[in-house]
């Protein structure tokens, strides 16, 4: 029998409450395998409690601790399943993809829109699919939801109501489950195990460009000690350059050795800082294109890159990091 490690971090899957009380983290007293005995047919599963948090309370230091746990545990298992809340799952999945660059077996995250104890729940199928793909799936950090395996650093939560909560607009699923498993041609190969590096700089700000955004607010963030920025720009990377121009703020950031990374607000498409005058101005001021990366992946990658940067080389380090793909996060 394959051996799986199932790590519980919290989230809706094991919550209690609702109608009308709000859902809240439940004390993990239920025996998951007794709730879903079919899991015993998939693998010899060991469960471990990492935390019992609503995922809105997950912080970057949790990513590092979780990554270290997975890295240390992997040699003893054929795969790892991580139960996680949906709200920040894409952030954690992105961070783990970058913290665990040397994978030779699957690390699969899953959760649910409704708790396991509900009559109508997606928790059962998501857990079964996650455990199955942790045995037979590709050696990547992925998110399993609604019979699809998505690359973790390409996924984003797109639906707070429907059962198909996650999408990956810029990258097809790694695998789809029907009567069998159909794999995409773009899955990553096995990679050699590497030493774990948990260095990370959490003082990063993400802001969305919108008509009326006062650049003084971003300038104030720079003065408060921000070490990196992700700006969600319009379309292909356009920013205001006439009224409420962000150009001078990006120039100020560069002078302070604070990298500014540009992602698109659009779910599909890619940043091209040569296409419009706003993008050209941003690039000239020192902005870095994140291509077709999600905001979640760009934030996690910037934090990790900055954690490994020298104190006087943050912009250079970030530019080098976003010039190449680490884990299939960009096209």
C-alpha atoms as a PDB file:
ATOM      1  CA  UNK A   1       0.000   0.000   0.000  1.00  0.00           C
ATOM      2  CA  UNK A   2       1.241   3.510  -0.727  1.00  0.00           C
ATOM      3  CA  UNK A   3       1.853   5.689   2.316  1.00  0.00           C
ATOM      4  CA  UNK A   4       0.278   9.133   2.550  1.00  0.00           C
ATOM      5  CA  UNK A   5       0.641  11.924   5.065  1.00  0.00           C
ATOM      6  CA  UNK A   6      -2.549  13.918   5.565  1.00  0.00           C
ATOM      7  CA  UNK A   7      -1.863  17.286   7.222  1.00  0.00           C
ATOM      8  CA  UNK A   8      -4.748  19.227   8.724  1.00  0.00           C
ATOM      9  CA  UNK A   9      -4.428  23.026   8.906  1.00  0.00           C
ATOM     10  CA  UNK A  10      -8.093  23.972   9.369  1.00  0.00           C
ATOM     11  CA  UNK A  11     -10.739  25.370   7.066  1.00  0.00           C
ATOM     12  CA  UNK A  12     -14.368  24.746   6.218  1.00  0.00           C
ATOM     13  CA  UNK A  13     -13.944  21.031   5.606  1.00  0.00           C
ATOM     14  CA  UNK A  14     -13.860  20.256   9.333  1.00  0.00           C
ATOM     15  CA  UNK A  15     -15.850  23.254  10.580  1.00  0.00           C
ATOM     16  CA  UNK A  16     -19.078  23.231  12.519  1.00  0.00           C
ATOM     17  CA  UNK A  17     -21.886  25.724  12.707  1.00  0.00           C
ATOM     18  CA  UNK A  18     -23.833  27.571  10.058  1.00  0.00           C
ATOM     19  CA  UNK A  19     -27.566  28.338   9.598  1.00  0.00           C
ATOM     20  CA  UNK A  20     -27.644  30.806  11.297  1.00  0.00           C
ATOM     21  CA  UNK A  21     -24.457  30.655  13.389  1.00  0.00           C
ATOM     22  CA  UNK A  22     -21.233  31.445  11.513  1.00  0.00           C
ATOM     23  CA  UNK A  23     -18.926  28.603  10.595  1.00  0.00           C
ATOM     24  CA  UNK A  24     -15.965  28.329  12.973  1.00  0.00           C
ATOM     25  CA  UNK A  25     -12.957  26.011  13.297  1.00  0.00           C
ATOM     26  CA  UNK A  26     -13.869  22.758  14.986  1.00  0.00           C
ATOM     27  CA  UNK A  27     -11.729  20.879  17.469  1.00  0.00           C
ATOM     28  CA  UNK A  28     -10.296  18.070  15.385  1.00  0.00           C
ATOM     29  CA  UNK A  29     -11.838  15.217  17.340  1.00  0.00           C
ATOM     30  CA  UNK A  30     -13.450  13.340  14.477  1.00  0.00           C
ATOM     31  CA  UNK A  31     -11.629  10.372  13.044  1.00  0.00           C
ATOM     32  CA  UNK A  32     -11.352  11.289   9.397  1.00  0.00           C
ATOM     33  CA  UNK A  33     -10.784   7.726   8.289  1.00  0.00           C
ATOM     34  CA  UNK A  34     -13.916   6.554  10.079  1.00  0.00           C
ATOM     35  CA  UNK A  35     -15.860   9.314   8.345  1.00  0.00           C
ATOM     36  CA  UNK A  36     -14.457   8.240   4.974  1.00  0.00           C
ATOM     37  CA  UNK A  37     -13.434   4.565   5.208  1.00  0.00           C
ATOM     38  CA  UNK A  38     -12.908   4.446   1.438  1.00  0.00           C
ATOM     39  CA  UNK A  39      -9.652   6.337   2.003  1.00  0.00           C
ATOM     40  CA  UNK A  40      -8.199   3.161   3.478  1.00  0.00           C
ATOM     41  CA  UNK A  41      -8.483   1.566   0.028  1.00  0.00           C
ATOM     42  CA  UNK A  42      -6.273   4.268  -1.478  1.00  0.00           C
ATOM     43  CA  UNK A  43      -3.313   4.270   0.883  1.00  0.00           C
ATOM     44  CA  UNK A  44      -2.015   3.739   4.363  1.00  0.00           C
ATOM     45  CA  UNK A  45      -2.779   7.235   5.682  1.00  0.00           C
ATOM     46  CA  UNK A  46      -1.232   8.945   8.659  1.00  0.00           C
ATOM     47  CA  UNK A  47      -2.862  12.152   9.862  1.00  0.00           C
ATOM     48  CA  UNK A  48      -1.082  15.045  11.512  1.00  0.00           C
ATOM     49  CA  UNK A  49      -2.501  18.250  13.013  1.00  0.00           C
ATOM     50  CA  UNK A  50      -0.528  21.302  11.902  1.00  0.00           C
ATOM     51  CA  UNK A  51      -3.078  23.893  13.031  1.00  0.00           C
ATOM     52  CA  UNK A  52      -6.804  24.445  13.291  1.00  0.00           C
ATOM     53  CA  UNK A  53      -7.182  27.835  11.655  1.00  0.00           C
ATOM     54  CA  UNK A  54      -9.690  29.554   9.470  1.00  0.00           C
ATOM     55  CA  UNK A  55      -7.455  30.161   6.450  1.00  0.00           C
ATOM     56  CA  UNK A  56      -8.011  33.925   6.741  1.00  0.00           C
ATOM     57  CA  UNK A  57      -5.725  33.690   9.783  1.00  0.00           C
ATOM     58  CA  UNK A  58      -2.901  31.950   7.910  1.00  0.00           C
ATOM     59  CA  UNK A  59       0.269  34.061   7.837  1.00  0.00           C
ATOM     60  CA  UNK A  60       3.559  33.793   5.908  1.00  0.00           C
ATOM     61  CA  UNK A  61       5.313  32.241   8.907  1.00  0.00           C
ATOM     62  CA  UNK A  62       2.741  29.438   8.718  1.00  0.00           C
ATOM     63  CA  UNK A  63       3.760  28.835   5.082  1.00  0.00           C
ATOM     64  CA  UNK A  64       7.365  28.405   6.157  1.00  0.00           C
ATOM     65  CA  UNK A  65       6.529  26.045   9.040  1.00  0.00           C
ATOM     66  CA  UNK A  66       4.191  24.010   6.837  1.00  0.00           C
ATOM     67  CA  UNK A  67       6.782  23.852   4.062  1.00  0.00           C
ATOM     68  CA  UNK A  68       9.416  22.666   6.509  1.00  0.00           C
ATOM     69  CA  UNK A  69       7.066  19.977   7.833  1.00  0.00           C
ATOM     70  CA  UNK A  70       6.318  18.723   4.315  1.00  0.00           C
ATOM     71  CA  UNK A  71       9.976  18.842   3.278  1.00  0.00           C
ATOM     72  CA  UNK A  72      11.098  16.828   6.285  1.00  0.00           C
ATOM     73  CA  UNK A  73       8.242  14.306   5.954  1.00  0.00           C
ATOM     74  CA  UNK A  74       8.280  13.619   2.204  1.00  0.00           C
ATOM     75  CA  UNK A  75      11.007  10.952   2.120  1.00  0.00           C
ATOM     76  CA  UNK A  76       8.868   8.691   4.311  1.00  0.00           C
ATOM     77  CA  UNK A  77       5.689   8.975   2.202  1.00  0.00           C
ATOM     78  CA  UNK A  78       4.550   8.566  -1.375  1.00  0.00           C
ATOM     79  CA  UNK A  79       2.677  11.840  -1.235  1.00  0.00           C
ATOM     80  CA  UNK A  80       1.210  14.500   1.025  1.00  0.00           C
ATOM     81  CA  UNK A  81      -2.347  15.831   1.277  1.00  0.00           C
ATOM     82  CA  UNK A  82      -2.939  19.169   3.004  1.00  0.00           C
ATOM     83  CA  UNK A  83      -6.431  20.092   4.185  1.00  0.00           C
ATOM     84  CA  UNK A  84      -6.692  23.882   4.057  1.00  0.00           C
ATOM     85  CA  UNK A  85      -9.324  26.601   4.021  1.00  0.00           C
ATOM     86  CA  UNK A  86     -10.243  27.851   0.573  1.00  0.00           C
ATOM     87  CA  UNK A  87      -9.938  31.602   1.159  1.00  0.00           C
ATOM     88  CA  UNK A  88      -6.132  31.686   1.199  1.00  0.00           C
ATOM     89  CA  UNK A  89      -5.355  28.272  -0.245  1.00  0.00           C
ATOM     90  CA  UNK A  90      -3.933  29.772  -3.459  1.00  0.00           C
ATOM     91  CA  UNK A  91      -1.495  31.888  -1.423  1.00  0.00           C
ATOM     92  CA  UNK A  92      -0.288  28.884   0.569  1.00  0.00           C
ATOM     93  CA  UNK A  93      -0.081  26.691  -2.530  1.00  0.00           C
ATOM     94  CA  UNK A  94       2.002  29.325  -4.325  1.00  0.00           C
ATOM     95  CA  UNK A  95       4.333  29.725  -1.370  1.00  0.00           C
ATOM     96  CA  UNK A  96       4.801  25.957  -1.017  1.00  0.00           C
ATOM     97  CA  UNK A  97       5.543  25.628  -4.739  1.00  0.00           C
ATOM     98  CA  UNK A  98       8.419  28.079  -4.306  1.00  0.00           C
ATOM     99  CA  UNK A  99       9.580  26.763  -0.921  1.00  0.00           C
ATOM    100  CA  UNK A 100       9.612  23.161  -2.225  1.00  0.00           C
ATOM    101  CA  UNK A 101      11.325  23.481  -5.633  1.00  0.00           C
ATOM    102  CA  UNK A 102      12.779  19.974  -5.555  1.00  0.00           C
ATOM    103  CA  UNK A 103       9.788  17.624  -5.634  1.00  0.00           C
ATOM    104  CA  UNK A 104       9.738  14.035  -6.792  1.00  0.00           C
ATOM    105  CA  UNK A 105       6.238  13.222  -5.486  1.00  0.00           C
ATOM    106  CA  UNK A 106       2.873  14.981  -5.188  1.00  0.00           C
ATOM    107  CA  UNK A 107       1.893  17.580  -2.587  1.00  0.00           C
ATOM    108  CA  UNK A 108      -1.857  18.038  -2.922  1.00  0.00           C
ATOM    109  CA  UNK A 109      -3.975  20.665  -1.205  1.00  0.00           C
ATOM    110  CA  UNK A 110      -7.743  20.473  -0.877  1.00  0.00           C
ATOM    111  CA  UNK A 111     -10.625  21.817   1.147  1.00  0.00           C
ATOM    112  CA  UNK A 112     -14.354  22.263   0.818  1.00  0.00           C
ATOM    113  CA  UNK A 113     -17.097  24.803   0.343  1.00  0.00           C
ATOM    114  CA  UNK A 114     -19.294  22.972   2.866  1.00  0.00           C
ATOM    115  CA  UNK A 115     -18.219  21.016   5.978  1.00  0.00           C
ATOM    116  CA  UNK A 116     -17.715  17.272   5.891  1.00  0.00           C
ATOM    117  CA  UNK A 117     -20.631  16.749   8.266  1.00  0.00           C
ATOM    118  CA  UNK A 118     -23.178  18.399   5.949  1.00  0.00           C
ATOM    119  CA  UNK A 119     -25.504  16.237   3.889  1.00  0.00           C
ATOM    120  CA  UNK A 120     -24.668  18.160   0.708  1.00  0.00           C
ATOM    121  CA  UNK A 121     -20.927  18.599   0.859  1.00  0.00           C
ATOM    122  CA  UNK A 122     -18.059  18.609  -1.576  1.00  0.00           C
ATOM    123  CA  UNK A 123     -15.636  17.574   1.171  1.00  0.00           C
ATOM    124  CA  UNK A 124     -15.957  13.836   0.566  1.00  0.00           C
ATOM    125  CA  UNK A 125     -15.215  13.867  -3.161  1.00  0.00           C
ATOM    126  CA  UNK A 126     -12.441  16.445  -2.773  1.00  0.00           C
ATOM    127  CA  UNK A 127     -10.706  14.385  -0.086  1.00  0.00           C
ATOM    128  CA  UNK A 128     -10.979  11.144  -2.044  1.00  0.00           C
ATOM    129  CA  UNK A 129      -9.691  12.822  -5.206  1.00  0.00           C
ATOM    130  CA  UNK A 130      -6.842  14.513  -3.312  1.00  0.00           C
ATOM    131  CA  UNK A 131      -5.679  11.267  -1.724  1.00  0.00           C
ATOM    132  CA  UNK A 132      -5.894   9.430  -5.043  1.00  0.00           C
ATOM    133  CA  UNK A 133      -3.859  12.089  -6.854  1.00  0.00           C
ATOM    134  CA  UNK A 134      -1.337  12.232  -4.033  1.00  0.00           C
ATOM    135  CA  UNK A 135      -0.564   8.623  -4.990  1.00  0.00           C
ATOM    136  CA  UNK A 136      -0.743   8.767  -8.795  1.00  0.00           C
ATOM    137  CA  UNK A 137      -0.409  12.483  -9.584  1.00  0.00           C
ATOM    138  CA  UNK A 138       2.493  14.578 -10.842  1.00  0.00           C
ATOM    139  CA  UNK A 139       5.325  15.772  -8.548  1.00  0.00           C
ATOM    140  CA  UNK A 140       3.946  19.260  -8.038  1.00  0.00           C
ATOM    141  CA  UNK A 141       2.157  21.337  -5.434  1.00  0.00           C
ATOM    142  CA  UNK A 142      -1.426  21.251  -6.643  1.00  0.00           C
ATOM    143  CA  UNK A 143      -4.957  22.115  -5.602  1.00  0.00           C
ATOM    144  CA  UNK A 144      -7.670  19.491  -6.024  1.00  0.00           C
ATOM    145  CA  UNK A 145     -11.206  20.782  -6.294  1.00  0.00           C
ATOM    146  CA  UNK A 146     -14.256  19.640  -8.211  1.00  0.00           C
ATOM    147  CA  UNK A 147     -12.485  16.732  -9.946  1.00  0.00           C
ATOM    148  CA  UNK A 148      -9.573  18.835 -11.223  1.00  0.00           C
ATOM    149  CA  UNK A 149      -5.950  19.145 -10.171  1.00  0.00           C
ATOM    150  CA  UNK A 150      -4.693  22.701 -10.690  1.00  0.00           C
ATOM    151  CA  UNK A 151      -1.101  23.863 -10.451  1.00  0.00           C
ATOM    152  CA  UNK A 152      -0.949  25.530  -7.041  1.00  0.00           C
ATOM    153  CA  UNK A 153       1.014  28.589  -8.162  1.00  0.00           C
ATOM    154  CA  UNK A 154      -1.404  29.152 -11.059  1.00  0.00           C
ATOM    155  CA  UNK A 155      -4.677  28.803  -9.170  1.00  0.00           C
ATOM    156  CA  UNK A 156      -6.948  31.442  -7.692  1.00  0.00           C
ATOM    157  CA  UNK A 157     -10.241  31.290  -5.818  1.00  0.00           C
ATOM    158  CA  UNK A 158     -12.946  32.436  -8.225  1.00  0.00           C
ATOM    159  CA  UNK A 159     -16.235  31.393  -6.619  1.00  0.00           C
ATOM    160  CA  UNK A 160     -17.419  31.814  -3.029  1.00  0.00           C
ATOM    161  CA  UNK A 161     -20.730  30.041  -3.658  1.00  0.00           C
ATOM    162  CA  UNK A 162     -20.357  27.264  -6.213  1.00  0.00           C
ATOM    163  CA  UNK A 163     -18.626  23.962  -5.641  1.00  0.00           C
ATOM    164  CA  UNK A 164     -16.035  24.662  -8.356  1.00  0.00           C
ATOM    165  CA  UNK A 165     -14.284  27.251  -6.216  1.00  0.00           C
ATOM    166  CA  UNK A 166     -10.926  27.455  -7.993  1.00  0.00           C
ATOM    167  CA  UNK A 167      -9.835  28.349 -11.470  1.00  0.00           C
ATOM    168  CA  UNK A 168      -6.565  28.591 -13.341  1.00  0.00           C
ATOM    169  CA  UNK A 169      -7.244  30.899 -16.291  1.00  0.00           C
ATOM    170  CA  UNK A 170      -3.650  31.018 -17.540  1.00  0.00           C
ATOM    171  CA  UNK A 171      -2.821  27.333 -17.155  1.00  0.00           C
ATOM    172  CA  UNK A 172      -4.896  24.229 -17.989  1.00  0.00           C
ATOM    173  CA  UNK A 173      -5.478  21.649 -15.238  1.00  0.00           C
ATOM    174  CA  UNK A 174      -2.621  19.301 -14.459  1.00  0.00           C
ATOM    175  CA  UNK A 175      -5.153  16.486 -14.338  1.00  0.00           C
ATOM    176  CA  UNK A 176      -8.884  15.935 -14.701  1.00  0.00           C
ATOM    177  CA  UNK A 177     -10.752  13.092 -13.082  1.00  0.00           C
ATOM    178  CA  UNK A 178     -13.556  11.255 -14.822  1.00  0.00           C
ATOM    179  CA  UNK A 179     -13.765   7.506 -15.172  1.00  0.00           C
ATOM    180  CA  UNK A 180      -9.981   7.677 -15.054  1.00  0.00           C
ATOM    181  CA  UNK A 181      -7.316  10.356 -14.758  1.00  0.00           C
ATOM    182  CA  UNK A 182      -6.343  12.465 -17.750  1.00  0.00           C
ATOM    183  CA  UNK A 183      -3.043  14.335 -17.353  1.00  0.00           C
ATOM    184  CA  UNK A 184      -2.022  17.532 -19.085  1.00  0.00           C
ATOM    185  CA  UNK A 185       1.141  17.570 -21.215  1.00  0.00           C
ATOM    186  CA  UNK A 186       2.642  20.409 -19.156  1.00  0.00           C
ATOM    187  CA  UNK A 187       3.122  18.595 -15.828  1.00  0.00           C
ATOM    188  CA  UNK A 188       6.563  19.062 -14.348  1.00  0.00           C
ATOM    189  CA  UNK A 189       8.996  16.134 -14.178  1.00  0.00           C
ATOM    190  CA  UNK A 190      10.472  14.808 -10.981  1.00  0.00           C
ATOM    191  CA  UNK A 191      13.151  17.087  -9.579  1.00  0.00           C
ATOM    192  CA  UNK A 192      16.059  16.415  -7.275  1.00  0.00           C
ATOM    193  CA  UNK A 193      15.488  17.125  -3.608  1.00  0.00           C
ATOM    194  CA  UNK A 194      16.995  20.405  -2.396  1.00  0.00           C
ATOM    195  CA  UNK A 195      17.812  21.839   0.999  1.00  0.00           C
ATOM    196  CA  UNK A 196      14.921  23.719   2.563  1.00  0.00           C
ATOM    197  CA  UNK A 197      15.301  27.507   2.568  1.00  0.00           C
ATOM    198  CA  UNK A 198      12.611  29.217   4.615  1.00  0.00           C
ATOM    199  CA  UNK A 199      13.867  32.787   4.339  1.00  0.00           C
ATOM    200  CA  UNK A 200      11.023  35.159   3.569  1.00  0.00           C
ATOM    201  CA  UNK A 201      10.327  38.898   3.758  1.00  0.00           C
ATOM    202  CA  UNK A 202       6.694  39.521   4.683  1.00  0.00           C
ATOM    203  CA  UNK A 203       6.770  43.330   4.476  1.00  0.00           C
ATOM    204  CA  UNK A 204       5.247  43.336   1.016  1.00  0.00           C
ATOM    205  CA  UNK A 205       2.221  45.339  -0.103  1.00  0.00           C
ATOM    206  CA  UNK A 206      -0.289  44.528  -2.828  1.00  0.00           C
ATOM    207  CA  UNK A 207      -2.515  47.292  -4.161  1.00  0.00           C
ATOM    208  CA  UNK A 208      -5.053  47.461  -6.952  1.00  0.00           C
ATOM    209  CA  UNK A 209      -4.914  50.329  -9.408  1.00  0.00           C
ATOM    210  CA  UNK A 210      -8.227  52.130  -9.771  1.00  0.00           C
ATOM    211  CA  UNK A 211      -9.399  55.517 -11.029  1.00  0.00           C
ATOM    212  CA  UNK A 212      -8.775  57.986  -8.215  1.00  0.00           C
ATOM    213  CA  UNK A 213      -6.010  56.088  -6.428  1.00  0.00           C
ATOM    214  CA  UNK A 214      -3.913  58.738  -4.690  1.00  0.00           C
ATOM    215  CA  UNK A 215      -0.211  57.995  -5.242  1.00  0.00           C
ATOM    216  CA  UNK A 216       0.528  59.646  -1.897  1.00  0.00           C
ATOM    217  CA  UNK A 217      -0.993  56.606  -0.194  1.00  0.00           C
ATOM    218  CA  UNK A 218       1.532  54.311  -1.886  1.00  0.00           C
ATOM    219  CA  UNK A 219       4.325  56.788  -1.186  1.00  0.00           C
ATOM    220  CA  UNK A 220       3.352  56.695   2.487  1.00  0.00           C
ATOM    221  CA  UNK A 221       3.602  52.913   2.449  1.00  0.00           C
ATOM    222  CA  UNK A 222       7.147  53.224   1.131  1.00  0.00           C
ATOM    223  CA  UNK A 223       7.993  55.571   3.971  1.00  0.00           C
ATOM    224  CA  UNK A 224       6.506  53.125   6.483  1.00  0.00           C
ATOM    225  CA  UNK A 225       9.035  50.395   5.619  1.00  0.00           C
ATOM    226  CA  UNK A 226       7.537  48.350   2.776  1.00  0.00           C
ATOM    227  CA  UNK A 227      10.215  46.154   1.179  1.00  0.00           C
ATOM    228  CA  UNK A 228       8.369  45.217  -1.997  1.00  0.00           C
ATOM    229  CA  UNK A 229       5.149  45.986  -3.880  1.00  0.00           C
ATOM    230  CA  UNK A 230       2.790  44.176  -6.204  1.00  0.00           C
ATOM    231  CA  UNK A 231       0.581  46.504  -8.233  1.00  0.00           C
ATOM    232  CA  UNK A 232      -2.495  45.078  -9.940  1.00  0.00           C
ATOM    233  CA  UNK A 233      -2.517  47.247 -13.055  1.00  0.00           C
ATOM    234  CA  UNK A 234      -5.119  47.652 -15.755  1.00  0.00           C
ATOM    235  CA  UNK A 235      -5.133  45.285 -18.720  1.00  0.00           C
ATOM    236  CA  UNK A 236      -1.671  44.538 -20.052  1.00  0.00           C
ATOM    237  CA  UNK A 237       0.065  46.513 -17.294  1.00  0.00           C
ATOM    238  CA  UNK A 238      -1.305  50.008 -17.784  1.00  0.00           C
ATOM    239  CA  UNK A 239      -1.036  52.529 -14.937  1.00  0.00           C
ATOM    240  CA  UNK A 240      -2.184  56.172 -14.681  1.00  0.00           C
ATOM    241  CA  UNK A 241       0.527  58.512 -15.953  1.00  0.00           C
ATOM    242  CA  UNK A 242      -1.190  61.928 -16.198  1.00  0.00           C
ATOM    243  CA  UNK A 243      -3.535  62.633 -13.307  1.00  0.00           C
ATOM    244  CA  UNK A 244      -2.722  60.682 -10.126  1.00  0.00           C
ATOM    245  CA  UNK A 245       0.267  59.241 -11.943  1.00  0.00           C
ATOM    246  CA  UNK A 246       1.976  56.283 -10.314  1.00  0.00           C
ATOM    247  CA  UNK A 247       5.186  56.798 -12.281  1.00  0.00           C
ATOM    248  CA  UNK A 248       6.908  58.987  -9.692  1.00  0.00           C
ATOM    249  CA  UNK A 249       6.008  56.541  -6.924  1.00  0.00           C
ATOM    250  CA  UNK A 250       7.606  53.669  -8.851  1.00  0.00           C
ATOM    251  CA  UNK A 251      10.680  55.828  -9.391  1.00  0.00           C
ATOM    252  CA  UNK A 252      10.793  56.571  -5.653  1.00  0.00           C
ATOM    253  CA  UNK A 253      10.530  52.860  -4.899  1.00  0.00           C
ATOM    254  CA  UNK A 254      13.431  52.067  -7.203  1.00  0.00           C
ATOM    255  CA  UNK A 255      15.535  54.768  -5.553  1.00  0.00           C
ATOM    256  CA  UNK A 256      14.758  53.145  -2.180  1.00  0.00           C
ATOM    257  CA  UNK A 257      15.658  49.673  -3.558  1.00  0.00           C
ATOM    258  CA  UNK A 258      12.026  48.543  -3.240  1.00  0.00           C
ATOM    259  CA  UNK A 259      10.954  46.377  -6.185  1.00  0.00           C
ATOM    260  CA  UNK A 260       7.564  47.050  -7.775  1.00  0.00           C
ATOM    261  CA  UNK A 261       6.057  44.065  -9.586  1.00  0.00           C
ATOM    262  CA  UNK A 262       3.204  44.540 -12.051  1.00  0.00           C
ATOM    263  CA  UNK A 263       0.439  41.959 -12.466  1.00  0.00           C
ATOM    264  CA  UNK A 264      -2.775  42.312 -14.445  1.00  0.00           C
ATOM    265  CA  UNK A 265      -6.226  42.715 -12.922  1.00  0.00           C
ATOM    266  CA  UNK A 266      -7.545  40.529 -15.750  1.00  0.00           C
ATOM    267  CA  UNK A 267      -7.892  36.795 -15.044  1.00  0.00           C
ATOM    268  CA  UNK A 268      -6.671  36.045 -18.576  1.00  0.00           C
ATOM    269  CA  UNK A 269      -3.859  37.615 -20.520  1.00  0.00           C
ATOM    270  CA  UNK A 270      -0.382  38.766 -19.658  1.00  0.00           C
ATOM    271  CA  UNK A 271       1.437  41.923 -18.648  1.00  0.00           C
ATOM    272  CA  UNK A 272       3.246  43.545 -21.561  1.00  0.00           C
ATOM    273  CA  UNK A 273       4.931  46.758 -20.483  1.00  0.00           C
ATOM    274  CA  UNK A 274       5.691  47.697 -24.101  1.00  0.00           C
ATOM    275  CA  UNK A 275       2.108  47.697 -25.348  1.00  0.00           C
ATOM    276  CA  UNK A 276       0.696  50.986 -24.008  1.00  0.00           C
ATOM    277  CA  UNK A 277       2.207  54.268 -22.874  1.00  0.00           C
ATOM    278  CA  UNK A 278       1.257  53.599 -19.244  1.00  0.00           C
ATOM    279  CA  UNK A 279       3.127  50.326 -19.251  1.00  0.00           C
ATOM    280  CA  UNK A 280       6.145  51.855 -20.994  1.00  0.00           C
ATOM    281  CA  UNK A 281       6.198  54.591 -18.339  1.00  0.00           C
ATOM    282  CA  UNK A 282       5.993  52.008 -15.554  1.00  0.00           C
ATOM    283  CA  UNK A 283       8.847  50.013 -17.058  1.00  0.00           C
ATOM    284  CA  UNK A 284      10.953  53.123 -17.506  1.00  0.00           C
ATOM    285  CA  UNK A 285      10.390  53.995 -13.853  1.00  0.00           C
ATOM    286  CA  UNK A 286      11.693  50.570 -12.826  1.00  0.00           C
ATOM    287  CA  UNK A 287       8.627  48.334 -12.599  1.00  0.00           C
ATOM    288  CA  UNK A 288       9.036  44.573 -13.117  1.00  0.00           C
ATOM    289  CA  UNK A 289       6.582  42.553 -15.200  1.00  0.00           C
ATOM    290  CA  UNK A 290       5.108  39.404 -13.678  1.00  0.00           C
ATOM    291  CA  UNK A 291       3.823  38.203 -17.050  1.00  0.00           C
ATOM    292  CA  UNK A 292       0.701  36.104 -16.604  1.00  0.00           C
ATOM    293  CA  UNK A 293       1.244  35.310 -12.931  1.00  0.00           C
ATOM    294  CA  UNK A 294      -1.585  35.498 -10.405  1.00  0.00           C
ATOM    295  CA  UNK A 295      -1.438  38.077  -7.649  1.00  0.00           C
ATOM    296  CA  UNK A 296      -1.143  35.275  -5.099  1.00  0.00           C
ATOM    297  CA  UNK A 297       1.870  33.765  -6.818  1.00  0.00           C
ATOM    298  CA  UNK A 298       3.523  37.134  -7.415  1.00  0.00           C
ATOM    299  CA  UNK A 299       3.186  38.072  -3.747  1.00  0.00           C
ATOM    300  CA  UNK A 300       4.559  34.765  -2.500  1.00  0.00           C
ATOM    301  CA  UNK A 301       7.429  34.773  -4.991  1.00  0.00           C
ATOM    302  CA  UNK A 302       8.352  38.368  -4.157  1.00  0.00           C
ATOM    303  CA  UNK A 303       8.362  37.618  -0.421  1.00  0.00           C
ATOM    304  CA  UNK A 304      10.622  34.610  -0.885  1.00  0.00           C
ATOM    305  CA  UNK A 305      12.941  36.364  -3.341  1.00  0.00           C
ATOM    306  CA  UNK A 306      13.317  39.308  -0.967  1.00  0.00           C
ATOM    307  CA  UNK A 307      14.022  36.973   1.932  1.00  0.00           C
ATOM    308  CA  UNK A 308      17.052  35.737   0.010  1.00  0.00           C
ATOM    309  CA  UNK A 309      18.212  39.154  -1.222  1.00  0.00           C
ATOM    310  CA  UNK A 310      21.089  41.210   0.081  1.00  0.00           C
ATOM    311  CA  UNK A 311      20.053  44.378   1.886  1.00  0.00           C
ATOM    312  CA  UNK A 312      21.231  46.566  -0.988  1.00  0.00           C
ATOM    313  CA  UNK A 313      20.137  44.317  -3.849  1.00  0.00           C
ATOM    314  CA  UNK A 314      16.386  43.878  -3.499  1.00  0.00           C
ATOM    315  CA  UNK A 315      15.409  45.291  -6.895  1.00  0.00           C
ATOM    316  CA  UNK A 316      18.121  43.324  -8.681  1.00  0.00           C
ATOM    317  CA  UNK A 317      17.150  40.091  -6.914  1.00  0.00           C
ATOM    318  CA  UNK A 318      13.450  40.556  -7.674  1.00  0.00           C
ATOM    319  CA  UNK A 319      14.137  41.347 -11.324  1.00  0.00           C
ATOM    320  CA  UNK A 320      16.212  38.184 -11.663  1.00  0.00           C
ATOM    321  CA  UNK A 321      13.534  36.115  -9.896  1.00  0.00           C
ATOM    322  CA  UNK A 322      10.712  37.325 -12.159  1.00  0.00           C
ATOM    323  CA  UNK A 323      12.774  36.823 -15.284  1.00  0.00           C
ATOM    324  CA  UNK A 324      12.394  33.051 -15.025  1.00  0.00           C
ATOM    325  CA  UNK A 325       9.898  30.468 -13.875  1.00  0.00           C
ATOM    326  CA  UNK A 326      10.615  28.653 -10.626  1.00  0.00           C
ATOM    327  CA  UNK A 327       7.733  26.165 -10.552  1.00  0.00           C
ATOM    328  CA  UNK A 328       5.682  26.712 -13.680  1.00  0.00           C
ATOM    329  CA  UNK A 329       4.074  29.861 -12.274  1.00  0.00           C
ATOM    330  CA  UNK A 330       4.505  31.890 -15.462  1.00  0.00           C
ATOM    331  CA  UNK A 331       4.307  31.236 -19.161  1.00  0.00           C
END
